[in-house]
Amino acid sequence: MTTWQVKTTEHHLLKIVKAAQTEGPQFLIEQGKITAVLLSNDCYDKLTKKSQTLYDFLIHSPLAEAEDVYFERDKSSTREVSI
């Protein structure tokens, strides 16, 4: 984990940006506490990417075209539950 003092970041901004791109998130410290994190665009995109729906996952699965995989729906009636 790389940390930087906020008051010195303006003098090292290019270095910090390059470190975020090559080393990962860069933590900015002010008064001994992390106040901000600088991320590369790739890292940000991974964090904010919308996850797949279950349907999309199943459709794009390598097993989607498999002929020897069968899924059958359980057609039994619902079970009785006492409340």
C-alpha atoms as a PDB file:
ATOM      1  CA  MET A   1       0.000   0.000   0.000  1.00  0.00           C
ATOM      2  CA  THR A   2       1.444   3.344  -1.024  1.00  0.00           C
ATOM      3  CA  THR A   3       0.440   6.431   0.936  1.00  0.00           C
ATOM      4  CA  TRP A   4       0.973  10.084   0.140  1.00  0.00           C
ATOM      5  CA  GLN A   5       0.631  13.213   2.288  1.00  0.00           C
ATOM      6  CA  VAL A   6      -2.126  15.400   0.798  1.00  0.00           C
ATOM      7  CA  LYS A   7      -0.041  18.567   1.119  1.00  0.00           C
ATOM      8  CA  THR A   8       2.677  17.085  -1.138  1.00  0.00           C
ATOM      9  CA  THR A   9       0.440  15.529  -3.787  1.00  0.00           C
ATOM     10  CA  GLU A  10       0.337  18.543  -6.088  1.00  0.00           C
ATOM     11  CA  HIS A  11       4.114  18.301  -6.556  1.00  0.00           C
ATOM     12  CA  HIS A  12       3.930  14.565  -7.266  1.00  0.00           C
ATOM     13  CA  LEU A  13       0.620  14.218  -9.090  1.00  0.00           C
ATOM     14  CA  LEU A  14       2.056  12.673 -12.269  1.00  0.00           C
ATOM     15  CA  LYS A  15       4.093  10.207 -10.194  1.00  0.00           C
ATOM     16  CA  ILE A  16       1.003   9.277  -8.141  1.00  0.00           C
ATOM     17  CA  VAL A  17      -1.140   8.786 -11.253  1.00  0.00           C
ATOM     18  CA  LYS A  18       1.503   6.529 -12.830  1.00  0.00           C
ATOM     19  CA  ALA A  19       1.759   4.558  -9.566  1.00  0.00           C
ATOM     20  CA  ALA A  20      -2.032   4.085  -9.562  1.00  0.00           C
ATOM     21  CA  GLN A  21      -1.817   2.709 -13.094  1.00  0.00           C
ATOM     22  CA  THR A  22       1.060   0.326 -12.408  1.00  0.00           C
ATOM     23  CA  GLU A  23       0.920  -0.512  -8.691  1.00  0.00           C
ATOM     24  CA  GLY A  24      -2.747  -0.144  -7.816  1.00  0.00           C
ATOM     25  CA  PRO A  25      -4.726   2.268  -5.629  1.00  0.00           C
ATOM     26  CA  GLN A  26      -2.807   5.130  -4.020  1.00  0.00           C
ATOM     27  CA  PHE A  27      -3.934   6.298  -0.594  1.00  0.00           C
ATOM     28  CA  LEU A  28      -3.844   9.992   0.283  1.00  0.00           C
ATOM     29  CA  ILE A  29      -3.197  10.783   3.950  1.00  0.00           C
ATOM     30  CA  GLU A  30      -4.145  13.936   5.816  1.00  0.00           C
ATOM     31  CA  GLN A  31      -3.435  14.315   9.522  1.00  0.00           C
ATOM     32  CA  GLY A  32      -2.584  10.629   9.793  1.00  0.00           C
ATOM     33  CA  LYS A  33      -5.839   9.362   8.266  1.00  0.00           C
ATOM     34  CA  ILE A  34      -6.656   8.126   4.782  1.00  0.00           C
ATOM     35  CA  THR A  35      -8.846  10.819   3.234  1.00  0.00           C
ATOM     36  CA  ALA A  36      -8.911   9.746  -0.406  1.00  0.00           C
ATOM     37  CA  VAL A  37      -7.889   6.969  -2.779  1.00  0.00           C
ATOM     38  CA  LEU A  38      -6.639   7.518  -6.312  1.00  0.00           C
ATOM     39  CA  LEU A  39      -7.589   4.676  -8.675  1.00  0.00           C
ATOM     40  CA  SER A  40      -6.605   3.978 -12.245  1.00  0.00           C
ATOM     41  CA  ASN A  41      -9.447   4.128 -14.738  1.00  0.00           C
ATOM     42  CA  ASP A  42      -9.237   0.347 -15.273  1.00  0.00           C
ATOM     43  CA  CYS A  43      -9.597  -0.284 -11.543  1.00  0.00           C
ATOM     44  CA  TYR A  44     -12.507   2.149 -11.329  1.00  0.00           C
ATOM     45  CA  ASP A  45     -14.257   0.468 -14.267  1.00  0.00           C
ATOM     46  CA  LYS A  46     -13.910  -2.950 -12.609  1.00  0.00           C
ATOM     47  CA  LEU A  47     -15.402  -1.625  -9.376  1.00  0.00           C
ATOM     48  CA  THR A  48     -18.344   0.100 -11.040  1.00  0.00           C
ATOM     49  CA  LYS A  49     -19.083  -2.462 -13.746  1.00  0.00           C
ATOM     50  CA  LYS A  50     -22.642  -3.694 -13.605  1.00  0.00           C
ATOM     51  CA  SER A  51     -22.649  -7.357 -12.741  1.00  0.00           C
ATOM     52  CA  GLN A  52     -24.272  -9.930 -14.996  1.00  0.00           C
ATOM     53  CA  THR A  53     -27.742 -11.198 -14.363  1.00  0.00           C
ATOM     54  CA  LEU A  54     -28.140 -14.899 -13.615  1.00  0.00           C
ATOM     55  CA  TYR A  55     -29.859 -15.296 -16.987  1.00  0.00           C
ATOM     56  CA  ASP A  56     -26.894 -13.740 -18.841  1.00  0.00           C
ATOM     57  CA  PHE A  57     -24.459 -15.911 -16.886  1.00  0.00           C
ATOM     58  CA  LEU A  58     -26.330 -19.098 -17.798  1.00  0.00           C
ATOM     59  CA  ILE A  59     -26.815 -18.143 -21.463  1.00  0.00           C
ATOM     60  CA  HIS A  60     -23.080 -17.406 -21.892  1.00  0.00           C
ATOM     61  CA  SER A  61     -21.940 -20.424 -19.906  1.00  0.00           C
ATOM     62  CA  PRO A  62     -19.830 -23.023 -21.721  1.00  0.00           C
ATOM     63  CA  LEU A  63     -22.510 -25.526 -20.721  1.00  0.00           C
ATOM     64  CA  ALA A  64     -25.270 -23.606 -22.517  1.00  0.00           C
ATOM     65  CA  GLU A  65     -24.733 -25.586 -25.719  1.00  0.00           C
ATOM     66  CA  ALA A  66     -23.968 -28.915 -24.037  1.00  0.00           C
ATOM     67  CA  GLU A  67     -26.289 -31.659 -25.194  1.00  0.00           C
ATOM     68  CA  ASP A  68     -25.739 -33.939 -22.219  1.00  0.00           C
ATOM     69  CA  VAL A  69     -26.879 -31.469 -19.552  1.00  0.00           C
ATOM     70  CA  TYR A  70     -30.572 -31.519 -18.714  1.00  0.00           C
ATOM     71  CA  PHE A  71     -32.492 -29.345 -16.330  1.00  0.00           C
ATOM     72  CA  GLU A  72     -35.947 -30.438 -15.312  1.00  0.00           C
ATOM     73  CA  ARG A  73     -38.361 -28.400 -13.316  1.00  0.00           C
ATOM     74  CA  ASP A  74     -39.710 -29.975 -10.142  1.00  0.00           C
ATOM     75  CA  LYS A  75     -43.443 -30.221 -10.844  1.00  0.00           C
ATOM     76  CA  SER A  76     -44.456 -31.465  -7.402  1.00  0.00           C
ATOM     77  CA  SER A  77     -46.956 -29.356  -5.528  1.00  0.00           C
ATOM     78  CA  THR A  78     -45.804 -27.077  -2.781  1.00  0.00           C
ATOM     79  CA  ARG A  79     -45.314 -28.532   0.654  1.00  0.00           C
ATOM     80  CA  GLU A  80     -47.607 -27.903   3.570  1.00  0.00           C
ATOM     81  CA  VAL A  81     -46.245 -25.638   6.266  1.00  0.00           C
ATOM     82  CA  SER A  82     -47.846 -25.252   9.656  1.00  0.00           C
ATOM     83  CA  ILE A  83     -47.770 -21.758  11.105  1.00  0.00           C
END
